[in-house]
C-alpha atoms as a PDB file:
ATOM      1  CA  UNK A   1       4.887-190.371 -85.779  1.00  0.00           C
ATOM      2  CA  UNK A   2       6.499-192.521 -83.132  1.00  0.00           C
ATOM      3  CA  UNK A   3       3.237-194.177 -82.087  1.00  0.00           C
ATOM      4  CA  UNK A   4       2.648-197.689 -83.460  1.00  0.00           C
ATOM      5  CA  UNK A   5      -1.008-196.772 -83.994  1.00  0.00           C
ATOM      6  CA  UNK A   6      -0.043-193.744 -86.075  1.00  0.00           C
ATOM      7  CA  UNK A   7       2.249-195.810 -88.246  1.00  0.00           C
ATOM      8  CA  UNK A   8      -0.394-198.493 -88.708  1.00  0.00           C
ATOM      9  CA  UNK A   9      -2.910-195.891 -89.885  1.00  0.00           C
ATOM     10  CA  UNK A  10      -0.286-194.222 -92.058  1.00  0.00           C
ATOM     11  CA  UNK A  11       0.495-197.554 -93.684  1.00  0.00           C
ATOM     12  CA  UNK A  12      -3.193-198.031 -94.450  1.00  0.00           C
ATOM     13  CA  UNK A  13      -3.147-194.598 -96.067  1.00  0.00           C
ATOM     14  CA  UNK A  14      -0.155-195.516 -98.217  1.00  0.00           C
ATOM     15  CA  UNK A  15      -1.894-198.680 -99.407  1.00  0.00           C
ATOM     16  CA  UNK A  16      -5.152-196.846-100.082  1.00  0.00           C
ATOM     17  CA  UNK A  17      -3.363-194.326-102.285  1.00  0.00           C
ATOM     18  CA  UNK A  18      -1.269-196.986-104.001  1.00  0.00           C
ATOM     19  CA  UNK A  19      -3.952-199.550-104.789  1.00  0.00           C
ATOM     20  CA  UNK A  20      -7.089-197.490-105.185  1.00  0.00           C
ATOM     21  CA  UNK A  21      -6.607-193.827-105.964  1.00  0.00           C
ATOM     22  CA  UNK A  22      -4.062-193.904-108.771  1.00  0.00           C
ATOM     23  CA  UNK A  23      -5.556-196.907-110.656  1.00  0.00           C
ATOM     24  CA  UNK A  24      -9.059-195.465-110.276  1.00  0.00           C
ATOM     25  CA  UNK A  25      -7.887-192.128-111.603  1.00  0.00           C
ATOM     26  CA  UNK A  26      -6.259-193.751-114.638  1.00  0.00           C
ATOM     27  CA  UNK A  27      -9.407-195.784-115.361  1.00  0.00           C
ATOM     28  CA  UNK A  28     -11.461-192.591-115.089  1.00  0.00           C
ATOM     29  CA  UNK A  29      -9.160-190.756-117.483  1.00  0.00           C
ATOM     30  CA  UNK A  30      -9.221-193.726-119.841  1.00  0.00           C
ATOM     31  CA  UNK A  31     -13.016-193.634-119.859  1.00  0.00           C
ATOM     32  CA  UNK A  32     -13.494-197.323-119.153  1.00  0.00           C
ATOM     33  CA  UNK A  33     -11.854-200.631-118.182  1.00  0.00           C
ATOM     34  CA  UNK A  34      -8.259-201.159-119.196  1.00  0.00           C
ATOM     35  CA  UNK A  35      -6.833-203.902-121.362  1.00  0.00           C
ATOM     36  CA  UNK A  36      -4.752-206.537-119.505  1.00  0.00           C
ATOM     37  CA  UNK A  37      -1.446-205.058-120.662  1.00  0.00           C
ATOM     38  CA  UNK A  38      -2.466-201.568-119.548  1.00  0.00           C
ATOM     39  CA  UNK A  39      -3.867-202.890-116.248  1.00  0.00           C
ATOM     40  CA  UNK A  40      -0.549-204.580-115.436  1.00  0.00           C
ATOM     41  CA  UNK A  41       1.305-201.375-116.200  1.00  0.00           C
ATOM     42  CA  UNK A  42      -1.056-199.372-113.956  1.00  0.00           C
ATOM     43  CA  UNK A  43      -0.594-201.860-111.113  1.00  0.00           C
ATOM     44  CA  UNK A  44       3.171-201.626-111.488  1.00  0.00           C
ATOM     45  CA  UNK A  45       3.004-197.836-111.665  1.00  0.00           C
ATOM     46  CA  UNK A  46       0.827-197.679-108.546  1.00  0.00           C
ATOM     47  CA  UNK A  47       3.481-199.445-106.509  1.00  0.00           C
ATOM     48  CA  UNK A  48       6.530-197.748-107.991  1.00  0.00           C
ATOM     49  CA  UNK A  49       5.050-194.243-108.142  1.00  0.00           C
ATOM     50  CA  UNK A  50       3.131-194.161-104.854  1.00  0.00           C
ATOM     51  CA  UNK A  51       3.792-197.026-102.440  1.00  0.00           C
ATOM     52  CA  UNK A  52       7.569-197.057-102.701  1.00  0.00           C
ATOM     53  CA  UNK A  53       8.130-193.251-102.603  1.00  0.00           C
ATOM     54  CA  UNK A  54       5.652-192.755 -99.760  1.00  0.00           C
ATOM     55  CA  UNK A  55       7.242-195.582 -97.786  1.00  0.00           C
ATOM     56  CA  UNK A  56      10.656-193.982 -98.201  1.00  0.00           C
ATOM     57  CA  UNK A  57       9.214-190.573 -97.304  1.00  0.00           C
ATOM     58  CA  UNK A  58       7.619-191.903 -94.101  1.00  0.00           C
ATOM     59  CA  UNK A  59      10.964-193.430 -93.161  1.00  0.00           C
ATOM     60  CA  UNK A  60      12.364-189.927 -92.701  1.00  0.00           C
ATOM     61  CA  UNK A  61      10.122-189.472 -89.655  1.00  0.00           C
ATOM     62  CA  UNK A  62      11.698-192.444 -87.879  1.00  0.00           C
ATOM     63  CA  UNK A  63      14.844-192.139 -85.722  1.00  0.00           C
ATOM     64  CA  UNK A  64      16.221-195.468 -86.929  1.00  0.00           C
ATOM     65  CA  UNK A  65      18.912-195.379 -89.633  1.00  0.00           C
ATOM     66  CA  UNK A  66      17.610-196.159 -93.095  1.00  0.00           C
ATOM     67  CA  UNK A  67      19.437-199.476 -93.350  1.00  0.00           C
ATOM     68  CA  UNK A  68      18.229-200.552 -89.905  1.00  0.00           C
ATOM     69  CA  UNK A  69      14.608-199.551 -90.512  1.00  0.00           C
ATOM     70  CA  UNK A  70      14.393-201.484 -93.766  1.00  0.00           C
ATOM     71  CA  UNK A  71      16.721-204.288 -92.630  1.00  0.00           C
ATOM     72  CA  UNK A  72      18.984-203.840 -95.648  1.00  0.00           C
ATOM     73  CA  UNK A  73      21.450-206.620 -94.910  1.00  0.00           C
ATOM     74  CA  UNK A  74      22.702-209.415 -97.153  1.00  0.00           C
ATOM     75  CA  UNK A  75      22.082-213.023 -96.168  1.00  0.00           C
ATOM     76  CA  UNK A  76      23.936-216.216 -96.916  1.00  0.00           C
ATOM     77  CA  UNK A  77      22.834-218.348 -99.913  1.00  0.00           C
ATOM     78  CA  UNK A  78      21.922-221.193 -97.540  1.00  0.00           C
ATOM     79  CA  UNK A  79      19.386-218.966 -95.761  1.00  0.00           C
ATOM     80  CA  UNK A  80      17.861-218.082 -99.135  1.00  0.00           C
ATOM     81  CA  UNK A  81      17.618-221.770-100.038  1.00  0.00           C
ATOM     82  CA  UNK A  82      16.036-222.675 -96.688  1.00  0.00           C
ATOM     83  CA  UNK A  83      13.545-219.848 -97.169  1.00  0.00           C
ATOM     84  CA  UNK A  84      12.480-221.115-100.589  1.00  0.00           C
ATOM     85  CA  UNK A  85      12.039-224.683 -99.371  1.00  0.00           C
ATOM     86  CA  UNK A  86      10.074-223.513 -96.326  1.00  0.00           C
ATOM     87  CA  UNK A  87       7.879-221.328 -98.533  1.00  0.00           C
ATOM     88  CA  UNK A  88       6.944-224.222-100.815  1.00  0.00           C
ATOM     89  CA  UNK A  89       6.103-226.341 -97.767  1.00  0.00           C
ATOM     90  CA  UNK A  90       4.003-223.520 -96.325  1.00  0.00           C
ATOM     91  CA  UNK A  91       2.176-223.106 -99.635  1.00  0.00           C
ATOM     92  CA  UNK A  92       1.179-226.769 -99.548  1.00  0.00           C
ATOM     93  CA  UNK A  93      -0.124-226.346 -96.004  1.00  0.00           C
ATOM     94  CA  UNK A  94      -2.046-223.201 -96.919  1.00  0.00           C
ATOM     95  CA  UNK A  95      -3.517-224.925 -99.943  1.00  0.00           C
ATOM     96  CA  UNK A  96      -4.690-227.728 -97.676  1.00  0.00           C
ATOM     97  CA  UNK A  97      -6.245-225.202 -95.323  1.00  0.00           C
ATOM     98  CA  UNK A  98      -8.071-223.493 -98.206  1.00  0.00           C
ATOM     99  CA  UNK A  99      -9.521-226.822 -99.307  1.00  0.00           C
ATOM    100  CA  UNK A 100     -10.541-227.636 -95.719  1.00  0.00           C
ATOM    101  CA  UNK A 101     -12.074-224.189 -95.401  1.00  0.00           C
ATOM    102  CA  UNK A 102     -14.077-224.707 -98.564  1.00  0.00           C
ATOM    103  CA  UNK A 103     -15.405-228.178 -97.765  1.00  0.00           C
ATOM    104  CA  UNK A 104     -15.759-227.968 -93.969  1.00  0.00           C
ATOM    105  CA  UNK A 105     -15.917-224.383 -92.723  1.00  0.00           C
ATOM    106  CA  UNK A 106     -18.070-222.454 -95.205  1.00  0.00           C
ATOM    107  CA  UNK A 107     -21.775-222.668 -94.234  1.00  0.00           C
ATOM    108  CA  UNK A 108     -24.186-223.584 -96.999  1.00  0.00           C
ATOM    109  CA  UNK A 109     -25.826-220.188 -96.650  1.00  0.00           C
ATOM    110  CA  UNK A 110     -22.502-218.540 -97.530  1.00  0.00           C
ATOM    111  CA  UNK A 111     -21.593-220.928-100.352  1.00  0.00           C
ATOM    112  CA  UNK A 112     -22.860-218.840-103.255  1.00  0.00           C
ATOM    113  CA  UNK A 113     -21.182-215.659-102.009  1.00  0.00           C
ATOM    114  CA  UNK A 114     -17.942-217.520-101.272  1.00  0.00           C
ATOM    115  CA  UNK A 115     -17.839-219.116-104.719  1.00  0.00           C
ATOM    116  CA  UNK A 116     -18.590-215.799-106.419  1.00  0.00           C
ATOM    117  CA  UNK A 117     -15.866-214.000-104.463  1.00  0.00           C
ATOM    118  CA  UNK A 118     -13.311-216.702-105.154  1.00  0.00           C
ATOM    119  CA  UNK A 119     -14.202-216.739-108.845  1.00  0.00           C
ATOM    120  CA  UNK A 120     -13.771-212.967-109.071  1.00  0.00           C
ATOM    121  CA  UNK A 121     -10.415-213.149-107.314  1.00  0.00           C
ATOM    122  CA  UNK A 122      -9.067-215.857-109.615  1.00  0.00           C
ATOM    123  CA  UNK A 123     -10.479-214.027-112.624  1.00  0.00           C
ATOM    124  CA  UNK A 124      -8.653-210.891-111.540  1.00  0.00           C
ATOM    125  CA  UNK A 125      -5.386-212.800-111.175  1.00  0.00           C
ATOM    126  CA  UNK A 126      -5.818-214.318-114.624  1.00  0.00           C
ATOM    127  CA  UNK A 127      -6.611-210.894-116.076  1.00  0.00           C
ATOM    128  CA  UNK A 128      -3.655-209.182-114.419  1.00  0.00           C
ATOM    129  CA  UNK A 129      -1.061-211.940-114.638  1.00  0.00           C
ATOM    130  CA  UNK A 130      -2.195-214.129-117.518  1.00  0.00           C
ATOM    131  CA  UNK A 131       0.299-215.202-120.158  1.00  0.00           C
ATOM    132  CA  UNK A 132       0.356-217.156-123.391  1.00  0.00           C
ATOM    133  CA  UNK A 133       3.896-216.536-124.623  1.00  0.00           C
ATOM    134  CA  UNK A 134       7.309-216.476-123.006  1.00  0.00           C
ATOM    135  CA  UNK A 135       7.596-212.649-123.188  1.00  0.00           C
ATOM    136  CA  UNK A 136       4.170-212.344-121.511  1.00  0.00           C
ATOM    137  CA  UNK A 137       5.289-214.803-118.835  1.00  0.00           C
ATOM    138  CA  UNK A 138       8.399-212.730-118.126  1.00  0.00           C
ATOM    139  CA  UNK A 139       6.296-209.562-117.844  1.00  0.00           C
ATOM    140  CA  UNK A 140       3.833-211.319-115.538  1.00  0.00           C
ATOM    141  CA  UNK A 141       6.696-212.442-113.304  1.00  0.00           C
ATOM    142  CA  UNK A 142       8.106-208.916-113.286  1.00  0.00           C
ATOM    143  CA  UNK A 143       4.758-207.308-112.441  1.00  0.00           C
ATOM    144  CA  UNK A 144       3.636-210.041-110.055  1.00  0.00           C
ATOM    145  CA  UNK A 145       6.698-211.695-108.531  1.00  0.00           C
ATOM    146  CA  UNK A 146       9.396-209.013-108.504  1.00  0.00           C
ATOM    147  CA  UNK A 147       7.991-205.513-108.034  1.00  0.00           C
ATOM    148  CA  UNK A 148       5.246-206.325-105.451  1.00  0.00           C
ATOM    149  CA  UNK A 149       7.560-208.333-103.144  1.00  0.00           C
ATOM    150  CA  UNK A 150      10.103-205.517-103.095  1.00  0.00           C
ATOM    151  CA  UNK A 151       7.613-202.668-102.555  1.00  0.00           C
ATOM    152  CA  UNK A 152       5.291-204.488-100.155  1.00  0.00           C
ATOM    153  CA  UNK A 153       8.000-206.028 -97.993  1.00  0.00           C
ATOM    154  CA  UNK A 154       9.742-202.666 -97.589  1.00  0.00           C
ATOM    155  CA  UNK A 155       6.429-201.278 -96.364  1.00  0.00           C
ATOM    156  CA  UNK A 156       5.096-204.131 -94.219  1.00  0.00           C
ATOM    157  CA  UNK A 157       8.172-205.904 -92.862  1.00  0.00           C
ATOM    158  CA  UNK A 158      10.387-202.854 -93.120  1.00  0.00           C
ATOM    159  CA  UNK A 159       8.659-199.611 -92.212  1.00  0.00           C
ATOM    160  CA  UNK A 160       5.577-200.922 -90.399  1.00  0.00           C
ATOM    161  CA  UNK A 161       6.881-203.981 -88.537  1.00  0.00           C
ATOM    162  CA  UNK A 162      10.266-202.503 -87.667  1.00  0.00           C
ATOM    163  CA  UNK A 163       8.621-199.312 -86.390  1.00  0.00           C
ATOM    164  CA  UNK A 164       6.205-201.328 -84.266  1.00  0.00           C
ATOM    165  CA  UNK A 165       9.107-203.309 -82.801  1.00  0.00           C
ATOM    166  CA  UNK A 166      10.374-200.103 -81.172  1.00  0.00           C
ATOM    167  CA  UNK A 167       7.307-200.020 -78.906  1.00  0.00           C
ATOM    168  CA  UNK A 168       5.839-203.528 -78.964  1.00  0.00           C
ATOM    169  CA  UNK A 169       7.065-207.080 -78.527  1.00  0.00           C
ATOM    170  CA  UNK A 170       8.290-208.701 -81.767  1.00  0.00           C
ATOM    171  CA  UNK A 171       5.407-211.192 -81.827  1.00  0.00           C
ATOM    172  CA  UNK A 172       2.856-208.365 -81.581  1.00  0.00           C
ATOM    173  CA  UNK A 173       4.647-206.351 -84.252  1.00  0.00           C
ATOM    174  CA  UNK A 174       4.782-209.338 -86.597  1.00  0.00           C
ATOM    175  CA  UNK A 175       1.097-210.106 -85.993  1.00  0.00           C
ATOM    176  CA  UNK A 176      -0.096-206.522 -86.578  1.00  0.00           C
ATOM    177  CA  UNK A 177       1.906-206.217 -89.791  1.00  0.00           C
ATOM    178  CA  UNK A 178       0.531-209.573 -90.984  1.00  0.00           C
ATOM    179  CA  UNK A 179      -3.063-208.565 -90.240  1.00  0.00           C
ATOM    180  CA  UNK A 180      -2.655-205.266 -92.090  1.00  0.00           C
ATOM    181  CA  UNK A 181      -0.993-207.155 -94.950  1.00  0.00           C
ATOM    182  CA  UNK A 182      -3.991-209.511 -95.202  1.00  0.00           C
ATOM    183  CA  UNK A 183      -6.571-206.724 -94.851  1.00  0.00           C
ATOM    184  CA  UNK A 184      -5.264-204.592 -97.695  1.00  0.00           C
ATOM    185  CA  UNK A 185      -5.393-207.493-100.156  1.00  0.00           C
ATOM    186  CA  UNK A 186      -9.204-207.271 -99.983  1.00  0.00           C
ATOM    187  CA  UNK A 187      -9.708-211.030-100.198  1.00  0.00           C
ATOM    188  CA  UNK A 188     -11.820-211.977 -97.160  1.00  0.00           C
ATOM    189  CA  UNK A 189     -12.105-215.579 -98.303  1.00  0.00           C
ATOM    190  CA  UNK A 190      -8.292-215.864 -98.269  1.00  0.00           C
ATOM    191  CA  UNK A 191      -7.553-213.566 -95.311  1.00  0.00           C
ATOM    192  CA  UNK A 192      -6.352-216.336 -92.984  1.00  0.00           C
ATOM    193  CA  UNK A 193      -4.029-217.735 -95.642  1.00  0.00           C
ATOM    194  CA  UNK A 194      -2.581-214.326 -96.508  1.00  0.00           C
ATOM    195  CA  UNK A 195      -2.123-213.478 -92.834  1.00  0.00           C
ATOM    196  CA  UNK A 196      -0.283-216.787 -92.396  1.00  0.00           C
ATOM    197  CA  UNK A 197       2.108-215.837 -95.167  1.00  0.00           C
ATOM    198  CA  UNK A 198       2.552-212.431 -93.543  1.00  0.00           C
ATOM    199  CA  UNK A 199       3.443-214.058 -90.225  1.00  0.00           C
ATOM    200  CA  UNK A 200       6.119-216.161 -91.915  1.00  0.00           C
ATOM    201  CA  UNK A 201       7.536-213.164 -93.769  1.00  0.00           C
ATOM    202  CA  UNK A 202       7.584-211.201 -90.532  1.00  0.00           C
ATOM    203  CA  UNK A 203       9.400-213.986 -88.709  1.00  0.00           C
ATOM    204  CA  UNK A 204      12.007-214.159 -91.466  1.00  0.00           C
ATOM    205  CA  UNK A 205      12.657-210.414 -91.371  1.00  0.00           C
ATOM    206  CA  UNK A 206      12.855-210.362 -87.567  1.00  0.00           C
ATOM    207  CA  UNK A 207      15.013-213.438 -87.062  1.00  0.00           C
ATOM    208  CA  UNK A 208      17.464-212.896 -89.934  1.00  0.00           C
ATOM    209  CA  UNK A 209      17.504-209.110 -89.403  1.00  0.00           C
ATOM    210  CA  UNK A 210      17.264-208.790 -93.179  1.00  0.00           C
ATOM    211  CA  UNK A 211      14.424-207.928 -95.537  1.00  0.00           C
ATOM    212  CA  UNK A 212      15.897-210.185 -98.224  1.00  0.00           C
ATOM    213  CA  UNK A 213      14.433-213.548 -97.037  1.00  0.00           C
ATOM    214  CA  UNK A 214      10.960-211.987 -96.731  1.00  0.00           C
ATOM    215  CA  UNK A 215      11.240-210.667-100.288  1.00  0.00           C
ATOM    216  CA  UNK A 216      12.402-214.080-101.515  1.00  0.00           C
ATOM    217  CA  UNK A 217       9.493-215.826 -99.775  1.00  0.00           C
ATOM    218  CA  UNK A 218       7.019-213.293-101.174  1.00  0.00           C
ATOM    219  CA  UNK A 219       8.432-213.661-104.687  1.00  0.00           C
ATOM    220  CA  UNK A 220       8.267-217.460-104.392  1.00  0.00           C
ATOM    221  CA  UNK A 221       4.594-217.315-103.425  1.00  0.00           C
ATOM    222  CA  UNK A 222       3.602-214.930-106.203  1.00  0.00           C
ATOM    223  CA  UNK A 223       5.678-216.744-108.808  1.00  0.00           C
ATOM    224  CA  UNK A 224       4.094-220.047-107.798  1.00  0.00           C
ATOM    225  CA  UNK A 225       0.606-218.569-108.093  1.00  0.00           C
ATOM    226  CA  UNK A 226       1.397-217.351-111.615  1.00  0.00           C
ATOM    227  CA  UNK A 227       2.645-220.815-112.575  1.00  0.00           C
ATOM    228  CA  UNK A 228      -0.182-222.733-110.889  1.00  0.00           C
ATOM    229  CA  UNK A 229      -2.863-220.789-112.757  1.00  0.00           C
ATOM    230  CA  UNK A 230      -1.585-222.401-115.954  1.00  0.00           C
ATOM    231  CA  UNK A 231      -0.865-225.983-114.922  1.00  0.00           C
ATOM    232  CA  UNK A 232      -4.443-227.077-114.383  1.00  0.00           C
ATOM    233  CA  UNK A 233      -4.973-226.248-110.686  1.00  0.00           C
ATOM    234  CA  UNK A 234      -8.650-226.105-109.802  1.00  0.00           C
ATOM    235  CA  UNK A 235      -9.883-222.773-108.403  1.00  0.00           C
ATOM    236  CA  UNK A 236      -6.318-221.552-107.915  1.00  0.00           C
ATOM    237  CA  UNK A 237      -5.420-224.169-105.262  1.00  0.00           C
ATOM    238  CA  UNK A 238      -2.292-226.292-105.254  1.00  0.00           C
ATOM    239  CA  UNK A 239      -4.474-229.233-104.181  1.00  0.00           C
ATOM    240  CA  UNK A 240      -6.686-229.952-107.159  1.00  0.00           C
ATOM    241  CA  UNK A 241      -9.812-231.511-105.673  1.00  0.00           C
ATOM    242  CA  UNK A 242     -11.810-229.384-103.253  1.00  0.00           C
ATOM    243  CA  UNK A 243     -13.741-232.342-101.834  1.00  0.00           C
ATOM    244  CA  UNK A 244     -13.740-234.133 -98.506  1.00  0.00           C
ATOM    245  CA  UNK A 245     -12.283-237.225-100.121  1.00  0.00           C
ATOM    246  CA  UNK A 246      -9.572-235.217-101.837  1.00  0.00           C
ATOM    247  CA  UNK A 247      -8.676-233.404 -98.642  1.00  0.00           C
ATOM    248  CA  UNK A 248      -8.456-236.647 -96.650  1.00  0.00           C
ATOM    249  CA  UNK A 249      -6.292-238.205 -99.353  1.00  0.00           C
ATOM    250  CA  UNK A 250      -3.940-235.209 -99.173  1.00  0.00           C
ATOM    251  CA  UNK A 251      -3.400-235.450 -95.399  1.00  0.00           C
ATOM    252  CA  UNK A 252      -0.141-237.472 -95.639  1.00  0.00           C
ATOM    253  CA  UNK A 253       1.286-234.894 -98.050  1.00  0.00           C
ATOM    254  CA  UNK A 254       0.163-232.069 -95.765  1.00  0.00           C
ATOM    255  CA  UNK A 255       1.740-233.798 -92.757  1.00  0.00           C
ATOM    256  CA  UNK A 256       5.036-234.107 -94.623  1.00  0.00           C
ATOM    257  CA  UNK A 257       4.797-230.441 -95.621  1.00  0.00           C
ATOM    258  CA  UNK A 258       4.235-229.481 -91.990  1.00  0.00           C
ATOM    259  CA  UNK A 259       7.275-231.443 -90.852  1.00  0.00           C
ATOM    260  CA  UNK A 260       9.416-229.983 -93.625  1.00  0.00           C
ATOM    261  CA  UNK A 261       8.261-226.449 -92.853  1.00  0.00           C
ATOM    262  CA  UNK A 262       8.924-226.894 -89.134  1.00  0.00           C
ATOM    263  CA  UNK A 263      12.390-228.298 -89.848  1.00  0.00           C
ATOM    264  CA  UNK A 264      13.251-225.363 -92.142  1.00  0.00           C
ATOM    265  CA  UNK A 265      11.990-222.787 -89.637  1.00  0.00           C
ATOM    266  CA  UNK A 266      13.946-224.382 -86.784  1.00  0.00           C
ATOM    267  CA  UNK A 267      17.046-224.471 -88.974  1.00  0.00           C
ATOM    268  CA  UNK A 268      16.660-220.793 -89.890  1.00  0.00           C
ATOM    269  CA  UNK A 269      15.987-219.874 -86.278  1.00  0.00           C
ATOM    270  CA  UNK A 270      19.056-221.694 -84.955  1.00  0.00           C
ATOM    271  CA  UNK A 271      21.241-220.473 -87.789  1.00  0.00           C
ATOM    272  CA  UNK A 272      20.520-216.830 -86.929  1.00  0.00           C
ATOM    273  CA  UNK A 273      19.751-216.936 -83.201  1.00  0.00           C
ATOM    274  CA  UNK A 274      23.343-216.537 -82.018  1.00  0.00           C
ATOM    275  CA  UNK A 275      24.200-213.707 -84.365  1.00  0.00           C
ATOM    276  CA  UNK A 276      20.961-211.763 -83.825  1.00  0.00           C
ATOM    277  CA  UNK A 277      20.669-209.380 -80.845  1.00  0.00           C
ATOM    278  CA  UNK A 278      16.922-208.971 -81.391  1.00  0.00           C
ATOM    279  CA  UNK A 279      14.708-209.652 -78.354  1.00  0.00           C
ATOM    280  CA  UNK A 280      12.838-212.905 -77.979  1.00  0.00           C
ATOM    281  CA  UNK A 281       9.318-213.252 -79.275  1.00  0.00           C
END
């Protein structure tokens, strides 16, 4: 299992079992669709009962020590703060891209299919992570912004990316892990955005030599999505108006977000470059 290709395929297998087989089996046993509360529990169970154990099991076939493979190192509070700020800036940029994609890049012949796919995706998020009371909000954050970041980052930025780094350049390892990360989310209309997040998470794990910043960034993204769904955002975007005029009006904000993101990334890179013996990208 030392081949990067083998580990990529094995990671796909882990995701397939985690996201599809166990939930499908529970739905089959139940005899029909699940209620939102039960669906959240199944999603949580799929990650805790399959993804996490299989990731840890696959780690036994790697020569790297457990702590090195999964980058289990603490980081300074300042790095955590920089990560959160950079993540919010990146989310604004991604939201701008999604609006630009919708108003400029989607051909008219694809419009109906795109809108239907996006509507189904947002409907699924509302079904899985919807909340009306504070206890429901806390459960949604647990199921959506705590458990997935831990399980998925251990798999993608830990097992997969770190294993690939043994045979490939860091930039190739980060890119492959990000592409796999985007593919398994099964959201073709958002694949570029999800891959962009995966690239940032991969950079954080590689540069800081710790899985913690990637988990924090992932949790920030998911927590923001949960919040945005219930503060009036149109179609799940942080930028409310998916029109040409709205996109043009948002360009100054997007430019500021880009500068802020670049500043945070440079700061993180310089802060950890001297202490990190990892090879250059």
